[in-house]
Amino acid sequence: MVWAGSYTQDTPITVSTDTFAANKLVLTATPNEKTRVAPGAMLATTSEENGFTFYSQLNQIYFRVGADVNLSKGIYYLDWSITETQYSSTNTESNKYHHPIRTKVEVGVQNQKFQF
């Protein structure tokens, strides 16, 4: 869950194999525009350490999701795509990895009332 006007904690994405079978993988997250309110640029993702890129020596990255302060509360989804760079000695043309499944993001709005 992310509060409007903030970012989530770091969330890991891990390659499920011990040996990395590609030279580089680049993930791209985009808000799904088919939700009840298209979030557009009001829902953002960031990956500070390696910019959504896995390298052969790195099998886990972290990302955060942020919601604009004006984004309505509700359930939104991130769609993922992947660009895979294979080793030059690889004879096969098929990709070895799949992008993550659609990610559900719940956006909440903080109440301005105080509780005691």
PDB file of N, CA and C in Angstrom:
ATOM      1  N   MET A   1       0.847  -1.173   0.000  1.00  0.00           N
ATOM      2  CA  MET A   1       0.000   0.000   0.000  1.00  0.00           C
ATOM      3  C   MET A   1       0.889   1.231   0.000  1.00  0.00           C
ATOM      4  N   VAL A   2       0.450   2.234  -0.730  1.00  0.00           N
ATOM      5  CA  VAL A   2       1.164   3.504  -0.766  1.00  0.00           C
ATOM      6  C   VAL A   2       0.166   4.613  -0.441  1.00  0.00           C
ATOM      7  N   TRP A   3       0.585   5.549   0.366  1.00  0.00           N
ATOM      8  CA  TRP A   3      -0.250   6.704   0.680  1.00  0.00           C
ATOM      9  C   TRP A   3      -0.060   7.747  -0.397  1.00  0.00           C
ATOM     10  N   ALA A   4      -1.143   8.395  -0.813  1.00  0.00           N
ATOM     11  CA  ALA A   4      -1.045   9.480  -1.799  1.00  0.00           C
ATOM     12  C   ALA A   4      -0.073  10.520  -1.261  1.00  0.00           C
ATOM     13  N   GLY A   5       0.844  10.938  -2.111  1.00  0.00           N
ATOM     14  CA  GLY A   5       1.850  11.916  -1.713  1.00  0.00           C
ATOM     15  C   GLY A   5       3.118  11.301  -1.162  1.00  0.00           C
ATOM     16  N   SER A   6       3.298   9.975  -1.303  1.00  0.00           N
ATOM     17  CA  SER A   6       4.497   9.327  -0.763  1.00  0.00           C
ATOM     18  C   SER A   6       4.925   8.156  -1.645  1.00  0.00           C
ATOM     19  N   TYR A   7       6.004   7.507  -1.235  1.00  0.00           N
ATOM     20  CA  TYR A   7       6.519   6.302  -1.884  1.00  0.00           C
ATOM     21  C   TYR A   7       6.460   5.127  -0.920  1.00  0.00           C
ATOM     22  N   THR A   8       6.439   3.919  -1.462  1.00  0.00           N
ATOM     23  CA  THR A   8       6.503   2.711  -0.646  1.00  0.00           C
ATOM     24  C   THR A   8       7.930   2.477  -0.168  1.00  0.00           C
ATOM     25  N   GLN A   9       8.097   1.479   0.679  1.00  0.00           N
ATOM     26  CA  GLN A   9       9.418   0.974   1.030  1.00  0.00           C
ATOM     27  C   GLN A   9       9.976   0.228  -0.182  1.00  0.00           C
ATOM     28  N   ASP A  10      11.260  -0.109  -0.144  1.00  0.00           N
ATOM     29  CA  ASP A  10      11.855  -0.908  -1.214  1.00  0.00           C
ATOM     30  C   ASP A  10      11.168  -2.272  -1.301  1.00  0.00           C
ATOM     31  N   THR A  11      10.830  -2.680  -2.517  1.00  0.00           N
ATOM     32  CA  THR A  11      10.218  -3.976  -2.782  1.00  0.00           C
ATOM     33  C   THR A  11      11.164  -4.764  -3.677  1.00  0.00           C
ATOM     34  N   PRO A  12      11.531  -6.002  -3.312  1.00  0.00           N
ATOM     35  CA  PRO A  12      12.490  -6.755  -4.127  1.00  0.00           C
ATOM     36  C   PRO A  12      11.852  -7.436  -5.332  1.00  0.00           C
ATOM     37  N   ILE A  13      12.631  -7.540  -6.399  1.00  0.00           N
ATOM     38  CA  ILE A  13      12.331  -8.404  -7.540  1.00  0.00           C
ATOM     39  C   ILE A  13      13.561  -9.296  -7.688  1.00  0.00           C
ATOM     40  N   THR A  14      13.351 -10.611  -7.715  1.00  0.00           N
ATOM     41  CA  THR A  14      14.456 -11.552  -7.716  1.00  0.00           C
ATOM     42  C   THR A  14      14.377 -12.470  -8.927  1.00  0.00           C
ATOM     43  N   VAL A  15      15.533 -12.720  -9.538  1.00  0.00           N
ATOM     44  CA  VAL A  15      15.632 -13.721 -10.605  1.00  0.00           C
ATOM     45  C   VAL A  15      15.596 -15.078  -9.921  1.00  0.00           C
ATOM     46  N   SER A  16      14.784 -15.986 -10.427  1.00  0.00           N
ATOM     47  CA  SER A  16      14.522 -17.243  -9.717  1.00  0.00           C
ATOM     48  C   SER A  16      15.572 -18.331  -9.935  1.00  0.00           C
ATOM     49  N   THR A  17      16.613 -18.057 -10.707  1.00  0.00           N
ATOM     50  CA  THR A  17      17.652 -19.065 -10.936  1.00  0.00           C
ATOM     51  C   THR A  17      18.950 -18.625 -10.275  1.00  0.00           C
ATOM     52  N   ASP A  18      19.775 -19.599  -9.876  1.00  0.00           N
ATOM     53  CA  ASP A  18      21.056 -19.281  -9.254  1.00  0.00           C
ATOM     54  C   ASP A  18      22.083 -18.796 -10.278  1.00  0.00           C
ATOM     55  N   THR A  19      22.051 -19.361 -11.472  1.00  0.00           N
ATOM     56  CA  THR A  19      22.963 -18.932 -12.520  1.00  0.00           C
ATOM     57  C   THR A  19      22.208 -18.034 -13.492  1.00  0.00           C
ATOM     58  N   PHE A  20      22.787 -16.918 -13.814  1.00  0.00           N
ATOM     59  CA  PHE A  20      22.151 -15.926 -14.662  1.00  0.00           C
ATOM     60  C   PHE A  20      22.419 -16.276 -16.120  1.00  0.00           C
ATOM     61  N   ALA A  21      21.373 -16.424 -16.927  1.00  0.00           N
ATOM     62  CA  ALA A  21      21.509 -16.906 -18.299  1.00  0.00           C
ATOM     63  C   ALA A  21      21.454 -15.800 -19.341  1.00  0.00           C
ATOM     64  N   ALA A  22      21.591 -14.548 -18.928  1.00  0.00           N
ATOM     65  CA  ALA A  22      21.593 -13.423 -19.874  1.00  0.00           C
ATOM     66  C   ALA A  22      22.657 -12.435 -19.449  1.00  0.00           C
ATOM     67  N   ASN A  23      23.075 -11.608 -20.358  1.00  0.00           N
ATOM     68  CA  ASN A  23      24.050 -10.579 -20.041  1.00  0.00           C
ATOM     69  C   ASN A  23      23.408  -9.446 -19.233  1.00  0.00           C
ATOM     70  N   LYS A  24      22.165  -9.096 -19.621  1.00  0.00           N
ATOM     71  CA  LYS A  24      21.485  -7.987 -18.960  1.00  0.00           C
ATOM     72  C   LYS A  24      19.982  -8.112 -19.169  1.00  0.00           C
ATOM     73  N   LEU A  25      19.217  -7.744 -18.130  1.00  0.00           N
ATOM     74  CA  LEU A  25      17.758  -7.656 -18.214  1.00  0.00           C
ATOM     75  C   LEU A  25      17.336  -6.275 -17.750  1.00  0.00           C
ATOM     76  N   VAL A  26      16.463  -5.637 -18.512  1.00  0.00           N
ATOM     77  CA  VAL A  26      15.941  -4.326 -18.124  1.00  0.00           C
ATOM     78  C   VAL A  26      14.426  -4.443 -18.021  1.00  0.00           C
ATOM     79  N   LEU A  27      13.894  -4.121 -16.854  1.00  0.00           N
ATOM     80  CA  LEU A  27      12.451  -4.143 -16.627  1.00  0.00           C
ATOM     81  C   LEU A  27      11.884  -2.743 -16.767  1.00  0.00           C
ATOM     82  N   THR A  28      10.668  -2.665 -17.271  1.00  0.00           N
ATOM     83  CA  THR A  28       9.965  -1.383 -17.377  1.00  0.00           C
ATOM     84  C   THR A  28       8.573  -1.557 -16.791  1.00  0.00           C
ATOM     85  N   ALA A  29       8.232  -0.693 -15.843  1.00  0.00           N
ATOM     86  CA  ALA A  29       6.909  -0.721 -15.228  1.00  0.00           C
ATOM     87  C   ALA A  29       6.103   0.464 -15.737  1.00  0.00           C
ATOM     88  N   THR A  30       4.871   0.203 -16.177  1.00  0.00           N
ATOM     89  CA  THR A  30       3.996   1.282 -16.626  1.00  0.00           C
ATOM     90  C   THR A  30       2.627   1.105 -15.975  1.00  0.00           C
ATOM     91  N   PRO A  31       2.008   2.202 -15.548  1.00  0.00           N
ATOM     92  CA  PRO A  31       0.673   2.099 -14.968  1.00  0.00           C
ATOM     93  C   PRO A  31      -0.323   1.579 -15.997  1.00  0.00           C
ATOM     94  N   ASN A  32      -1.173   0.654 -15.588  1.00  0.00           N
ATOM     95  CA  ASN A  32      -2.209   0.134 -16.454  1.00  0.00           C
ATOM     96  C   ASN A  32      -3.306   1.188 -16.563  1.00  0.00           C
ATOM     97  N   GLU A  33      -3.576   1.636 -17.768  1.00  0.00           N
ATOM     98  CA  GLU A  33      -4.529   2.726 -17.998  1.00  0.00           C
ATOM     99  C   GLU A  33      -5.978   2.262 -18.021  1.00  0.00           C
ATOM    100  N   LYS A  34      -6.214   0.955 -17.856  1.00  0.00           N
ATOM    101  CA  LYS A  34      -7.582   0.437 -17.936  1.00  0.00           C
ATOM    102  C   LYS A  34      -8.259   0.340 -16.573  1.00  0.00           C
ATOM    103  N   THR A  35      -7.633   0.857 -15.542  1.00  0.00           N
ATOM    104  CA  THR A  35      -8.275   0.850 -14.232  1.00  0.00           C
ATOM    105  C   THR A  35      -9.385   1.891 -14.222  1.00  0.00           C
ATOM    106  N   ARG A  36     -10.155   1.942 -13.142  1.00  0.00           N
ATOM    107  CA  ARG A  36     -11.332   2.824 -13.114  1.00  0.00           C
ATOM    108  C   ARG A  36     -10.979   4.287 -13.329  1.00  0.00           C
ATOM    109  N   VAL A  37      -9.818   4.706 -12.859  1.00  0.00           N
ATOM    110  CA  VAL A  37      -9.314   6.054 -13.114  1.00  0.00           C
ATOM    111  C   VAL A  37      -7.908   5.874 -13.652  1.00  0.00           C
ATOM    112  N   ALA A  38      -7.663   6.265 -14.894  1.00  0.00           N
ATOM    113  CA  ALA A  38      -6.330   6.097 -15.473  1.00  0.00           C
ATOM    114  C   ALA A  38      -5.329   6.952 -14.703  1.00  0.00           C
ATOM    115  N   PRO A  39      -4.335   6.328 -14.046  1.00  0.00           N
ATOM    116  CA  PRO A  39      -3.425   7.088 -13.192  1.00  0.00           C
ATOM    117  C   PRO A  39      -2.408   7.923 -13.953  1.00  0.00           C
ATOM    118  N   GLY A  40      -2.080   7.530 -15.185  1.00  0.00           N
ATOM    119  CA  GLY A  40      -1.115   8.300 -15.979  1.00  0.00           C
ATOM    120  C   GLY A  40       0.158   8.586 -15.210  1.00  0.00           C
ATOM    121  N   ALA A  41       0.578   9.834 -15.206  1.00  0.00           N
ATOM    122  CA  ALA A  41       1.819  10.232 -14.538  1.00  0.00           C
ATOM    123  C   ALA A  41       1.644  10.386 -13.029  1.00  0.00           C
ATOM    124  N   MET A  42       0.464  10.070 -12.496  1.00  0.00           N
ATOM    125  CA  MET A  42       0.228  10.229 -11.062  1.00  0.00           C
ATOM    126  C   MET A  42       0.688   9.018 -10.253  1.00  0.00           C
ATOM    127  N   LEU A  43       1.141   7.974 -10.939  1.00  0.00           N
ATOM    128  CA  LEU A  43       1.687   6.776 -10.309  1.00  0.00           C
ATOM    129  C   LEU A  43       3.072   6.576 -10.903  1.00  0.00           C
ATOM    130  N   ALA A  44       4.088   6.533 -10.059  1.00  0.00           N
ATOM    131  CA  ALA A  44       5.468   6.477 -10.547  1.00  0.00           C
ATOM    132  C   ALA A  44       6.219   5.310  -9.910  1.00  0.00           C
ATOM    133  N   THR A  45       7.245   4.829 -10.600  1.00  0.00           N
ATOM    134  CA  THR A  45       8.129   3.796 -10.060  1.00  0.00           C
ATOM    135  C   THR A  45       9.561   4.287 -10.143  1.00  0.00           C
ATOM    136  N   THR A  46      10.364   3.822  -9.203  1.00  0.00           N
ATOM    137  CA  THR A  46      11.780   4.166  -9.209  1.00  0.00           C
ATOM    138  C   THR A  46      12.593   2.981  -8.702  1.00  0.00           C
ATOM    139  N   SER A  47      13.778   2.846  -9.233  1.00  0.00           N
ATOM    140  CA  SER A  47      14.725   1.826  -8.797  1.00  0.00           C
ATOM    141  C   SER A  47      16.082   2.511  -8.751  1.00  0.00           C
ATOM    142  N   GLU A  48      16.461   2.947  -7.572  1.00  0.00           N
ATOM    143  CA  GLU A  48      17.629   3.820  -7.443  1.00  0.00           C
ATOM    144  C   GLU A  48      18.961   3.150  -7.714  1.00  0.00           C
ATOM    145  N   GLU A  49      19.141   1.911  -7.243  1.00  0.00           N
ATOM    146  CA  GLU A  49      20.468   1.317  -7.303  1.00  0.00           C
ATOM    147  C   GLU A  49      20.930   0.978  -8.719  1.00  0.00           C
ATOM    148  N   ASN A  50      20.113   0.303  -9.499  1.00  0.00           N
ATOM    149  CA  ASN A  50      20.531  -0.107 -10.844  1.00  0.00           C
ATOM    150  C   ASN A  50      19.516   0.238 -11.917  1.00  0.00           C
ATOM    151  N   GLY A  51      18.571   1.076 -11.610  1.00  0.00           N
ATOM    152  CA  GLY A  51      17.621   1.523 -12.619  1.00  0.00           C
ATOM    153  C   GLY A  51      16.854   0.422 -13.303  1.00  0.00           C
ATOM    154  N   PHE A  52      16.296  -0.529 -12.551  1.00  0.00           N
ATOM    155  CA  PHE A  52      15.512  -1.645 -13.082  1.00  0.00           C
ATOM    156  C   PHE A  52      16.340  -2.564 -13.972  1.00  0.00           C
ATOM    157  N   THR A  53      17.656  -2.636 -13.764  1.00  0.00           N
ATOM    158  CA  THR A  53      18.520  -3.453 -14.616  1.00  0.00           C
ATOM    159  C   THR A  53      19.204  -4.546 -13.799  1.00  0.00           C
ATOM    160  N   PHE A  54      19.041  -5.776 -14.265  1.00  0.00           N
ATOM    161  CA  PHE A  54      19.773  -6.919 -13.723  1.00  0.00           C
ATOM    162  C   PHE A  54      21.004  -7.132 -14.588  1.00  0.00           C
ATOM    163  N   TYR A  55      22.131  -7.373 -13.962  1.00  0.00           N
ATOM    164  CA  TYR A  55      23.353  -7.754 -14.672  1.00  0.00           C
ATOM    165  C   TYR A  55      23.707  -9.177 -14.254  1.00  0.00           C
ATOM    166  N   SER A  56      24.658  -9.794 -14.936  1.00  0.00           N
ATOM    167  CA  SER A  56      24.978 -11.199 -14.686  1.00  0.00           C
ATOM    168  C   SER A  56      25.378 -11.471 -13.237  1.00  0.00           C
ATOM    169  N   GLN A  57      25.946 -10.519 -12.541  1.00  0.00           N
ATOM    170  CA  GLN A  57      26.359 -10.729 -11.161  1.00  0.00           C
ATOM    171  C   GLN A  57      25.313 -10.264 -10.146  1.00  0.00           C
ATOM    172  N   LEU A  58      24.145  -9.863 -10.607  1.00  0.00           N
ATOM    173  CA  LEU A  58      23.116  -9.298  -9.736  1.00  0.00           C
ATOM    174  C   LEU A  58      21.796 -10.032  -9.969  1.00  0.00           C
ATOM    175  N   ASN A  59      21.293 -10.740  -8.949  1.00  0.00           N
ATOM    176  CA  ASN A  59      20.052 -11.484  -9.149  1.00  0.00           C
ATOM    177  C   ASN A  59      18.863 -10.886  -8.398  1.00  0.00           C
ATOM    178  N   GLN A  60      19.029  -9.700  -7.809  1.00  0.00           N
ATOM    179  CA  GLN A  60      17.914  -9.049  -7.127  1.00  0.00           C
ATOM    180  C   GLN A  60      18.046  -7.536  -7.224  1.00  0.00           C
ATOM    181  N   ILE A  61      16.931  -6.872  -7.504  1.00  0.00           N
ATOM    182  CA  ILE A  61      16.889  -5.417  -7.493  1.00  0.00           C
ATOM    183  C   ILE A  61      15.708  -4.982  -6.625  1.00  0.00           C
ATOM    184  N   TYR A  62      15.662  -3.712  -6.298  1.00  0.00           N
ATOM    185  CA  TYR A  62      14.582  -3.166  -5.483  1.00  0.00           C
ATOM    186  C   TYR A  62      13.931  -2.003  -6.230  1.00  0.00           C
ATOM    187  N   PHE A  63      12.630  -1.851  -6.004  1.00  0.00           N
ATOM    188  CA  PHE A  63      11.933  -0.723  -6.601  1.00  0.00           C
ATOM    189  C   PHE A  63      10.935  -0.159  -5.609  1.00  0.00           C
ATOM    190  N   ARG A  64      10.485   1.061  -5.873  1.00  0.00           N
ATOM    191  CA  ARG A  64       9.473   1.735  -5.065  1.00  0.00           C
ATOM    192  C   ARG A  64       8.369   2.239  -5.973  1.00  0.00           C
ATOM    193  N   VAL A  65       7.179   2.345  -5.403  1.00  0.00           N
ATOM    194  CA  VAL A  65       6.038   2.906  -6.110  1.00  0.00           C
ATOM    195  C   VAL A  65       5.624   4.174  -5.375  1.00  0.00           C
ATOM    196  N   GLY A  66       5.395   5.239  -6.143  1.00  0.00           N
ATOM    197  CA  GLY A  66       4.955   6.498  -5.561  1.00  0.00           C
ATOM    198  C   GLY A  66       3.623   6.925  -6.143  1.00  0.00           C
ATOM    199  N   ALA A  67       2.830   7.596  -5.319  1.00  0.00           N
ATOM    200  CA  ALA A  67       1.529   8.085  -5.756  1.00  0.00           C
ATOM    201  C   ALA A  67       1.459   9.591  -5.546  1.00  0.00           C
ATOM    202  N   ASP A  68       1.002  10.293  -6.558  1.00  0.00           N
ATOM    203  CA  ASP A  68       0.828  11.743  -6.471  1.00  0.00           C
ATOM    204  C   ASP A  68      -0.187  12.065  -5.379  1.00  0.00           C
ATOM    205  N   VAL A  69      -0.007  13.196  -4.730  1.00  0.00           N
ATOM    206  CA  VAL A  69      -0.895  13.600  -3.650  1.00  0.00           C
ATOM    207  C   VAL A  69      -2.338  13.759  -4.119  1.00  0.00           C
ATOM    208  N   ASN A  70      -2.568  14.005  -5.395  1.00  0.00           N
ATOM    209  CA  ASN A  70      -3.910  14.186  -5.936  1.00  0.00           C
ATOM    210  C   ASN A  70      -4.526  12.906  -6.513  1.00  0.00           C
ATOM    211  N   LEU A  71      -3.831  11.778  -6.412  1.00  0.00           N
ATOM    212  CA  LEU A  71      -4.364  10.533  -6.935  1.00  0.00           C
ATOM    213  C   LEU A  71      -5.453  10.009  -6.004  1.00  0.00           C
ATOM    214  N   SER A  72      -6.586   9.644  -6.572  1.00  0.00           N
ATOM    215  CA  SER A  72      -7.708   9.131  -5.781  1.00  0.00           C
ATOM    216  C   SER A  72      -7.355   7.788  -5.164  1.00  0.00           C
ATOM    217  N   LYS A  73      -7.919   7.527  -3.979  1.00  0.00           N
ATOM    218  CA  LYS A  73      -7.680   6.221  -3.368  1.00  0.00           C
ATOM    219  C   LYS A  73      -8.318   5.145  -4.234  1.00  0.00           C
ATOM    220  N   GLY A  74      -7.712   3.971  -4.229  1.00  0.00           N
ATOM    221  CA  GLY A  74      -8.234   2.883  -5.026  1.00  0.00           C
ATOM    222  C   GLY A  74      -7.166   1.861  -5.353  1.00  0.00           C
ATOM    223  N   ILE A  75      -7.536   0.915  -6.189  1.00  0.00           N
ATOM    224  CA  ILE A  75      -6.634  -0.150  -6.633  1.00  0.00           C
ATOM    225  C   ILE A  75      -6.174   0.171  -8.047  1.00  0.00           C
ATOM    226  N   TYR A  76      -4.875   0.141  -8.245  1.00  0.00           N
ATOM    227  CA  TYR A  76      -4.260   0.395  -9.553  1.00  0.00           C
ATOM    228  C   TYR A  76      -3.325  -0.769  -9.856  1.00  0.00           C
ATOM    229  N   TYR A  77      -2.911  -0.878 -11.117  1.00  0.00           N
ATOM    230  CA  TYR A  77      -2.030  -1.967 -11.509  1.00  0.00           C
ATOM    231  C   TYR A  77      -0.854  -1.435 -12.313  1.00  0.00           C
ATOM    232  N   LEU A  78       0.302  -2.103 -12.129  1.00  0.00           N
ATOM    233  CA  LEU A  78       1.487  -1.843 -12.942  1.00  0.00           C
ATOM    234  C   LEU A  78       1.662  -3.008 -13.901  1.00  0.00           C
ATOM    235  N   ASP A  79       1.861  -2.719 -15.168  1.00  0.00           N
ATOM    236  CA  ASP A  79       2.196  -3.732 -16.166  1.00  0.00           C
ATOM    237  C   ASP A  79       3.703  -3.683 -16.399  1.00  0.00           C
ATOM    238  N   TRP A  80       4.301  -4.827 -16.610  1.00  0.00           N
ATOM    239  CA  TRP A  80       5.752  -4.929 -16.771  1.00  0.00           C
ATOM    240  C   TRP A  80       6.105  -5.399 -18.176  1.00  0.00           C
ATOM    241  N   SER A  81       7.232  -4.910 -18.662  1.00  0.00           N
ATOM    242  CA  SER A  81       7.824  -5.426 -19.897  1.00  0.00           C
ATOM    243  C   SER A  81       9.304  -5.666 -19.619  1.00  0.00           C
ATOM    244  N   ILE A  82       9.932  -6.444 -20.480  1.00  0.00           N
ATOM    245  CA  ILE A  82      11.327  -6.817 -20.254  1.00  0.00           C
ATOM    246  C   ILE A  82      12.102  -6.721 -21.557  1.00  0.00           C
ATOM    247  N   THR A  83      13.339  -6.262 -21.464  1.00  0.00           N
ATOM    248  CA  THR A  83      14.285  -6.266 -22.577  1.00  0.00           C
ATOM    249  C   THR A  83      15.476  -7.092 -22.139  1.00  0.00           C
ATOM    250  N   GLU A  84      15.754  -8.148 -22.877  1.00  0.00           N
ATOM    251  CA  GLU A  84      16.820  -9.071 -22.511  1.00  0.00           C
ATOM    252  C   GLU A  84      17.976  -8.971 -23.500  1.00  0.00           C
ATOM    253  N   THR A  85      19.177  -8.803 -22.974  1.00  0.00           N
ATOM    254  CA  THR A  85      20.392  -8.812 -23.791  1.00  0.00           C
ATOM    255  C   THR A  85      21.132 -10.105 -23.491  1.00  0.00           C
ATOM    256  N   GLN A  86      21.234 -10.961 -24.505  1.00  0.00           N
ATOM    257  CA  GLN A  86      21.893 -12.241 -24.302  1.00  0.00           C
ATOM    258  C   GLN A  86      23.395 -12.110 -24.484  1.00  0.00           C
ATOM    259  N   TYR A  87      24.104 -13.122 -23.992  1.00  0.00           N
ATOM    260  CA  TYR A  87      25.538 -13.175 -24.237  1.00  0.00           C
ATOM    261  C   TYR A  87      25.785 -13.333 -25.729  1.00  0.00           C
ATOM    262  N   SER A  88      26.869 -12.782 -26.221  1.00  0.00           N
ATOM    263  CA  SER A  88      27.143 -12.842 -27.658  1.00  0.00           C
ATOM    264  C   SER A  88      27.412 -14.266 -28.131  1.00  0.00           C
ATOM    265  N   SER A  89      27.812 -15.154 -27.248  1.00  0.00           N
ATOM    266  CA  SER A  89      28.086 -16.534 -27.649  1.00  0.00           C
ATOM    267  C   SER A  89      26.839 -17.408 -27.638  1.00  0.00           C
ATOM    268  N   THR A  90      25.716 -16.878 -27.200  1.00  0.00           N
ATOM    269  CA  THR A  90      24.486 -17.658 -27.147  1.00  0.00           C
ATOM    270  C   THR A  90      23.929 -17.850 -28.551  1.00  0.00           C
ATOM    271  N   ASN A  91      23.655 -19.089 -28.913  1.00  0.00           N
ATOM    272  CA  ASN A  91      23.150 -19.394 -30.248  1.00  0.00           C
ATOM    273  C   ASN A  91      21.632 -19.302 -30.341  1.00  0.00           C
ATOM    274  N   THR A  92      20.957 -19.371 -29.236  1.00  0.00           N
ATOM    275  CA  THR A  92      19.499 -19.339 -29.259  1.00  0.00           C
ATOM    276  C   THR A  92      18.992 -17.896 -29.298  1.00  0.00           C
ATOM    277  N   GLU A  93      17.893 -17.690 -29.989  1.00  0.00           N
ATOM    278  CA  GLU A  93      17.332 -16.348 -30.101  1.00  0.00           C
ATOM    279  C   GLU A  93      16.189 -16.104 -29.126  1.00  0.00           C
ATOM    280  N   SER A  94      15.725 -17.141 -28.443  1.00  0.00           N
ATOM    281  CA  SER A  94      14.584 -16.963 -27.542  1.00  0.00           C
ATOM    282  C   SER A  94      15.040 -16.387 -26.201  1.00  0.00           C
ATOM    283  N   ASN A  95      14.165 -15.607 -25.609  1.00  0.00           N
ATOM    284  CA  ASN A  95      14.452 -15.036 -24.305  1.00  0.00           C
ATOM    285  C   ASN A  95      14.384 -16.112 -23.233  1.00  0.00           C
ATOM    286  N   LYS A  96      15.174 -15.951 -22.210  1.00  0.00           N
ATOM    287  CA  LYS A  96      15.233 -16.916 -21.123  1.00  0.00           C
ATOM    288  C   LYS A  96      14.346 -16.512 -19.948  1.00  0.00           C
ATOM    289  N   TYR A  97      13.953 -15.252 -19.882  1.00  0.00           N
ATOM    290  CA  TYR A  97      13.233 -14.741 -18.721  1.00  0.00           C
ATOM    291  C   TYR A  97      11.892 -14.128 -19.115  1.00  0.00           C
ATOM    292  N   HIS A  98      10.991 -14.101 -18.148  1.00  0.00           N
ATOM    293  CA  HIS A  98       9.681 -13.477 -18.312  1.00  0.00           C
ATOM    294  C   HIS A  98       9.596 -12.293 -17.360  1.00  0.00           C
ATOM    295  N   HIS A  99       8.829 -11.294 -17.736  1.00  0.00           N
ATOM    296  CA  HIS A  99       8.651 -10.146 -16.865  1.00  0.00           C
ATOM    297  C   HIS A  99       7.775 -10.540 -15.675  1.00  0.00           C
ATOM    298  N   PRO A 100       7.817  -9.749 -14.588  1.00  0.00           N
ATOM    299  CA  PRO A 100       6.936 -10.039 -13.449  1.00  0.00           C
ATOM    300  C   PRO A 100       5.469  -9.938 -13.868  1.00  0.00           C
ATOM    301  N   ILE A 101       4.614 -10.568 -13.089  1.00  0.00           N
ATOM    302  CA  ILE A 101       3.185 -10.478 -13.363  1.00  0.00           C
ATOM    303  C   ILE A 101       2.701  -9.075 -13.025  1.00  0.00           C
ATOM    304  N   ARG A 102       1.503  -8.761 -13.425  1.00  0.00           N
ATOM    305  CA  ARG A 102       0.913  -7.455 -13.111  1.00  0.00           C
ATOM    306  C   ARG A 102       0.962  -7.252 -11.595  1.00  0.00           C
ATOM    307  N   THR A 103       1.337  -6.054 -11.184  1.00  0.00           N
ATOM    308  CA  THR A 103       1.478  -5.739  -9.770  1.00  0.00           C
ATOM    309  C   THR A 103       0.333  -4.842  -9.316  1.00  0.00           C
ATOM    310  N   LYS A 104      -0.347  -5.279  -8.260  1.00  0.00           N
ATOM    311  CA  LYS A 104      -1.458  -4.504  -7.713  1.00  0.00           C
ATOM    312  C   LYS A 104      -0.911  -3.461  -6.742  1.00  0.00           C
ATOM    313  N   VAL A 105      -1.375  -2.229  -6.890  1.00  0.00           N
ATOM    314  CA  VAL A 105      -0.969  -1.135  -6.015  1.00  0.00           C
ATOM    315  C   VAL A 105      -2.221  -0.541  -5.392  1.00  0.00           C
ATOM    316  N   GLU A 106      -2.279  -0.551  -4.073  1.00  0.00           N
ATOM    317  CA  GLU A 106      -3.403   0.071  -3.375  1.00  0.00           C
ATOM    318  C   GLU A 106      -2.973   1.448  -2.907  1.00  0.00           C
ATOM    319  N   VAL A 107      -3.729   2.462  -3.301  1.00  0.00           N
ATOM    320  CA  VAL A 107      -3.429   3.840  -2.916  1.00  0.00           C
ATOM    321  C   VAL A 107      -4.435   4.254  -1.855  1.00  0.00           C
ATOM    322  N   GLY A 108      -3.909   4.790  -0.763  1.00  0.00           N
ATOM    323  CA  GLY A 108      -4.758   5.283   0.312  1.00  0.00           C
ATOM    324  C   GLY A 108      -4.599   6.775   0.467  1.00  0.00           C
ATOM    325  N   VAL A 109      -5.607   7.404   1.026  1.00  0.00           N
ATOM    326  CA  VAL A 109      -5.574   8.844   1.287  1.00  0.00           C
ATOM    327  C   VAL A 109      -5.621   9.015   2.795  1.00  0.00           C
ATOM    328  N   GLN A 110      -4.683   9.759   3.329  1.00  0.00           N
ATOM    329  CA  GLN A 110      -4.647   9.970   4.767  1.00  0.00           C
ATOM    330  C   GLN A 110      -5.755  10.916   5.192  1.00  0.00           C
ATOM    331  N   ASN A 111      -6.384  10.564   6.277  1.00  0.00           N
ATOM    332  CA  ASN A 111      -7.483  11.361   6.820  1.00  0.00           C
ATOM    333  C   ASN A 111      -6.900  12.567   7.565  1.00  0.00           C
ATOM    334  N   GLN A 112      -7.500  13.711   7.425  1.00  0.00           N
ATOM    335  CA  GLN A 112      -7.011  14.914   8.065  1.00  0.00           C
ATOM    336  C   GLN A 112      -7.457  15.024   9.530  1.00  0.00           C
ATOM    337  N   LYS A 113      -8.334  14.149   9.989  1.00  0.00           N
ATOM    338  CA  LYS A 113      -8.806  14.198  11.357  1.00  0.00           C
ATOM    339  C   LYS A 113      -7.789  13.539  12.282  1.00  0.00           C
ATOM    340  N   PHE A 114      -7.723  14.014  13.498  1.00  0.00           N
ATOM    341  CA  PHE A 114      -6.835  13.458  14.500  1.00  0.00           C
ATOM    342  C   PHE A 114      -7.610  12.523  15.405  1.00  0.00           C
ATOM    343  N   GLN A 115      -6.988  11.441  15.823  1.00  0.00           N
ATOM    344  CA  GLN A 115      -7.609  10.502  16.748  1.00  0.00           C
ATOM    345  C   GLN A 115      -6.851  10.510  18.056  1.00  0.00           C
ATOM    346  N   PHE A 116      -7.583  10.371  19.150  1.00  0.00           N
ATOM    347  CA  PHE A 116      -6.966  10.335  20.487  1.00  0.00           C
ATOM    348  C   PHE A 116      -7.318   9.055  21.194  1.00  0.00           C
TER     349      PHE A 116
END
